[in-house]
Structures are given as structure tokens and as C-alpha cells.
Protein backbone atom coordinates (compact mmCIF):
# COMPACT_ATOMS: atom_id res chain seq x y z
CA UNK A 1 -137.74 -141.72 7.72
CA UNK A 2 -139.00 -139.11 5.27
CA UNK A 3 -137.10 -136.02 4.24
CA UNK A 4 -138.98 -132.75 3.78
CA UNK A 5 -137.75 -130.84 0.75
CA UNK A 6 -137.95 -127.04 0.68
CA UNK A 7 -137.22 -124.60 -2.12
CA UNK A 8 -134.10 -122.60 -1.26
CA UNK A 9 -136.02 -119.32 -1.52
CA UNK A 10 -138.47 -120.52 1.17
CA UNK A 11 -135.89 -121.12 3.90
CA UNK A 12 -135.42 -118.61 6.73
CA UNK A 13 -132.22 -116.62 7.22
CA UNK A 14 -129.81 -118.35 9.58
CA UNK A 15 -130.86 -121.88 8.67
CA UNK A 16 -128.35 -124.46 7.54
CA UNK A 17 -129.45 -126.65 4.65
CA UNK A 18 -128.13 -129.39 2.38
CA UNK A 19 -128.78 -129.21 -1.37
CA UNK A 20 -130.71 -132.31 -2.40
CA UNK A 21 -131.94 -131.77 -5.96
CA UNK A 22 -131.72 -129.29 -8.82
CA UNK A 23 -134.76 -128.78 -11.05
CA UNK A 24 -132.78 -128.04 -14.17
CA UNK A 25 -130.64 -129.30 -17.00
CA UNK A 26 -126.89 -129.98 -17.21
CA UNK A 27 -126.20 -126.34 -18.09
CA UNK A 28 -127.78 -125.20 -14.83
CA UNK A 29 -125.83 -127.80 -12.87
CA UNK A 30 -122.60 -126.59 -14.52
CA UNK A 31 -123.47 -123.01 -13.57
CA UNK A 32 -123.88 -124.09 -9.94
CA UNK A 33 -120.60 -125.99 -10.05
CA UNK A 34 -118.94 -122.81 -11.28
CA UNK A 35 -120.29 -121.08 -8.16
CA UNK A 36 -118.89 -123.89 -6.01
CA UNK A 37 -122.30 -125.38 -5.25
CA UNK A 38 -123.08 -129.03 -5.89
CA UNK A 39 -125.70 -131.54 -4.79
CA UNK A 40 -124.89 -132.48 -1.21
CA UNK A 41 -123.36 -129.07 -0.42
CA UNK A 42 -124.09 -127.64 3.01
CA UNK A 43 -125.20 -124.02 2.81
CA UNK A 44 -126.17 -121.37 5.35
CA UNK A 45 -128.79 -118.79 4.38
CA UNK A 46 -127.26 -115.40 5.25
CA UNK A 47 -129.67 -112.99 3.49
CA UNK A 48 -132.92 -112.91 1.58
CA UNK A 49 -133.54 -110.17 -0.95
CA UNK A 50 -136.62 -109.95 -3.14
CA UNK A 51 -136.95 -113.70 -3.71
CA UNK A 52 -133.22 -114.24 -4.07
CA UNK A 53 -130.89 -115.43 -1.34
CA UNK A 54 -127.29 -115.10 -0.29
CA UNK A 55 -125.75 -118.31 0.98
CA UNK A 56 -122.47 -119.10 2.71
CA UNK A 57 -120.73 -122.10 1.17
CA UNK A 58 -117.34 -123.23 2.50
CA UNK A 59 -116.38 -119.73 3.58
CA UNK A 60 -117.59 -117.99 0.40
CA UNK A 61 -120.82 -116.01 0.05
CA UNK A 62 -122.82 -116.56 -3.13
CA UNK A 63 -125.84 -114.54 -4.29
CA UNK A 64 -128.52 -116.64 -5.97
CA UNK A 65 -131.35 -114.97 -7.90
CA UNK A 66 -135.02 -115.81 -7.38
CA UNK A 67 -135.35 -117.97 -10.51
CA UNK A 68 -132.40 -120.16 -9.61
CA UNK A 69 -133.28 -120.29 -5.90
CA UNK A 70 -136.71 -121.63 -6.83
CA UNK A 71 -135.08 -124.54 -8.71
CA UNK A 72 -132.94 -125.69 -5.78
CA UNK A 73 -134.52 -128.12 -3.32
CA UNK A 74 -132.90 -128.47 0.08
CA UNK A 75 -133.36 -130.26 3.38
CA UNK A 76 -132.90 -128.52 6.71
CA UNK A 77 -129.55 -129.50 8.23
CA UNK A 78 -128.95 -128.87 11.89
CA UNK A 79 -130.21 -126.03 14.04
CA UNK A 80 -130.65 -122.32 13.48
CA UNK A 81 -127.55 -120.17 13.75
């Protein structure tokens, strides 16, 4: 079975996703950890704004800018909300 990866900023609002990979260094990964986001995290896309996104993660909403959102690769997880 193959898994289709999508950039976080390409996913539609309302979709649930799972973070698969981060195209960045350890500093970027630490920044994400500080936001409560890690590889394997399940996120729901709640808003899209100018290339950036707002995601819900374990009850918290986190705004992610367009540059960072482009570095996060996710797989679709479940059905639309």
C-alpha cells in the first residue's frame, strides 16, 4: 500500500491529517515541538489564510505560516469533518 504525501498548505479546510515528515533541520523540529506538534501528530485543518494554515492539535489551535506549512508533509487521515 502506498501513502500519498501532501504539503500541509495544500490540504483543504476540514480535513484530518497525520504529520509524516518535516523538510527541515533539528531547529525546525524543536520549533514544532514547542508548538506541540510532532511527527505522527493528528491535526485538523481549521483555516487557510494566504498560504498559511490554522490547525487543531489536541484541543489547541496553532497558526502555521506559509513557509513552515510548505515544509510539513502529511497524509490524509480519516474523512472530512
